[in-house]
Protein backbone atom coordinates (compact mmCIF):
# COMPACT_ATOMS: atom_id res chain seq x y z
CA MET A 1 58.96 29.76 18.44
CA ARG A 2 55.86 30.66 18.31
CA ALA A 3 52.67 28.13 19.87
CA MET A 4 50.38 26.81 17.16
CA ILE A 5 46.87 27.81 17.77
CA LYS A 6 44.60 23.99 17.86
CA MET A 7 40.21 25.24 17.19
CA SER A 8 37.40 23.05 17.18
CA TRP A 9 33.99 23.36 16.78
CA THR A 10 30.68 21.16 16.68
CA LEU A 11 27.71 22.36 15.07
CA ILE A 12 25.47 19.79 17.09
CA GLY A 13 23.89 17.03 14.94
CA GLU A 14 25.49 18.52 11.52
CA HIS A 15 29.29 18.64 11.57
CA ALA A 16 32.40 18.36 13.95
CA ASP A 17 35.85 19.98 12.60
CA GLU A 18 39.29 21.59 14.15
CA TRP A 19 42.22 23.87 12.53
CA THR A 20 45.33 24.32 13.79
CA GLY A 21 47.46 27.60 12.68
CA ALA A 22 49.38 30.33 14.57
CA ASP A 23 46.88 33.22 14.81
CA THR A 24 43.19 32.78 15.78
CA GLN A 25 42.28 35.84 13.37
CA GLU A 26 42.70 33.32 10.50
CA GLY A 27 41.60 30.45 12.51
CA ALA A 28 38.07 32.54 12.84
CA ALA A 29 38.00 33.15 8.95
CA VAL A 30 38.48 29.51 8.63
CA LEU A 31 35.39 29.04 11.14
CA GLU A 32 32.91 31.58 10.10
CA ALA A 33 33.80 30.32 5.93
CA ARG A 34 33.65 25.98 7.15
CA LEU A 35 30.61 26.76 9.20
CA ARG A 36 28.86 28.76 6.15
CA THR A 37 29.35 25.97 4.01
CA VAL A 38 27.39 23.44 6.28
CA VAL A 39 24.83 26.24 6.70
CA GLU A 40 23.90 26.94 3.04
CA ASP A 41 24.19 23.32 2.04
CA SER A 42 21.71 22.46 5.03
CA ASP A 43 18.19 22.22 4.53
CA MET A 44 17.36 25.46 6.18
CA THR A 45 15.67 27.71 3.75
CA ALA A 46 17.74 31.24 2.83
CA GLU A 47 15.87 33.03 6.17
CA THR A 48 16.64 30.68 8.76
CA ALA A 49 20.13 30.15 7.45
CA GLN A 50 20.73 34.38 7.23
CA HIS A 51 19.39 34.54 10.92
CA TRP A 52 21.24 31.52 12.34
CA GLN A 53 24.33 33.14 10.77
CA ALA A 54 23.75 37.02 12.54
CA THR A 55 22.88 35.26 15.47
CA PHE A 56 25.21 32.37 16.39
CA LEU A 57 28.01 32.21 13.91
CA ALA A 58 28.93 36.06 13.12
CA PRO A 59 28.74 36.79 17.47
CA MET A 60 31.03 33.43 17.67
CA VAL A 61 33.55 34.18 14.88
CA GLU A 62 33.91 37.67 16.57
CA ALA A 63 34.34 35.73 20.43
CA VAL A 64 36.76 33.42 18.82
CA ARG A 65 38.78 36.97 17.73
CA THR A 66 38.38 38.83 20.91
CA GLU A 67 37.89 36.29 23.86
CA GLY A 68 39.76 33.53 22.49
CA GLN A 69 42.94 35.50 20.98
CA ALA A 70 43.18 37.04 24.62
CA ALA A 71 42.97 33.30 26.18
CA VAL A 72 45.87 32.03 24.40
CA SER A 73 47.54 35.56 24.49
CA ARG A 74 47.73 34.80 28.46
CA GLY A 75 48.47 31.18 27.52
CA GLU A 76 45.02 29.71 28.18
CA ALA A 77 42.52 27.68 26.50
CA TRP A 78 39.07 28.81 25.84
CA SER A 79 35.68 27.83 24.66
CA LYS A 80 32.29 28.72 24.21
CA ALA A 81 28.92 27.79 23.50
CA ALA A 82 26.26 29.18 21.41
CA GLY A 83 22.59 27.55 20.28
CA PRO A 84 23.82 24.72 18.52
CA MET A 85 27.29 25.34 18.59
CA LEU A 86 30.22 25.33 20.56
CA VAL A 87 34.09 26.68 19.74
CA SER A 88 37.46 26.04 21.69
CA VAL A 89 40.68 27.52 21.14
CA SER A 90 44.23 26.38 23.08
CA THR A 91 47.44 26.24 21.95
CA THR A 92 48.87 23.21 21.08
CA ALA A 93 52.89 21.84 21.18
C-alpha cells in the first residue's frame, strides 16, 4: 500500500489549510489553486497579487514538486518558508 501524503500550509495572518492525498504533484496543484484563490480574494491590488504569486507561490509550488517529492520518497518530512508562507509535507499512516 502506498503511503498517503499530508501537506499543511500557512499564509501568515490570512489562511491556514491542509490536504491529504497520494501524490505530491496533486498536492502542489491543490496548494496553488487554494492559495491563488485566497490571494485573489484578498485586498491586494491585481499587480501586488500577481507579484506575490510570481515571487512566492510559483517557486513554492515548484519546491513541493521537486524537493518535497524527493523528501517524502525517502520517507522524510519536508518544510519550507517563503515570505509569509510556510508549507510542510510528510507521509501519514
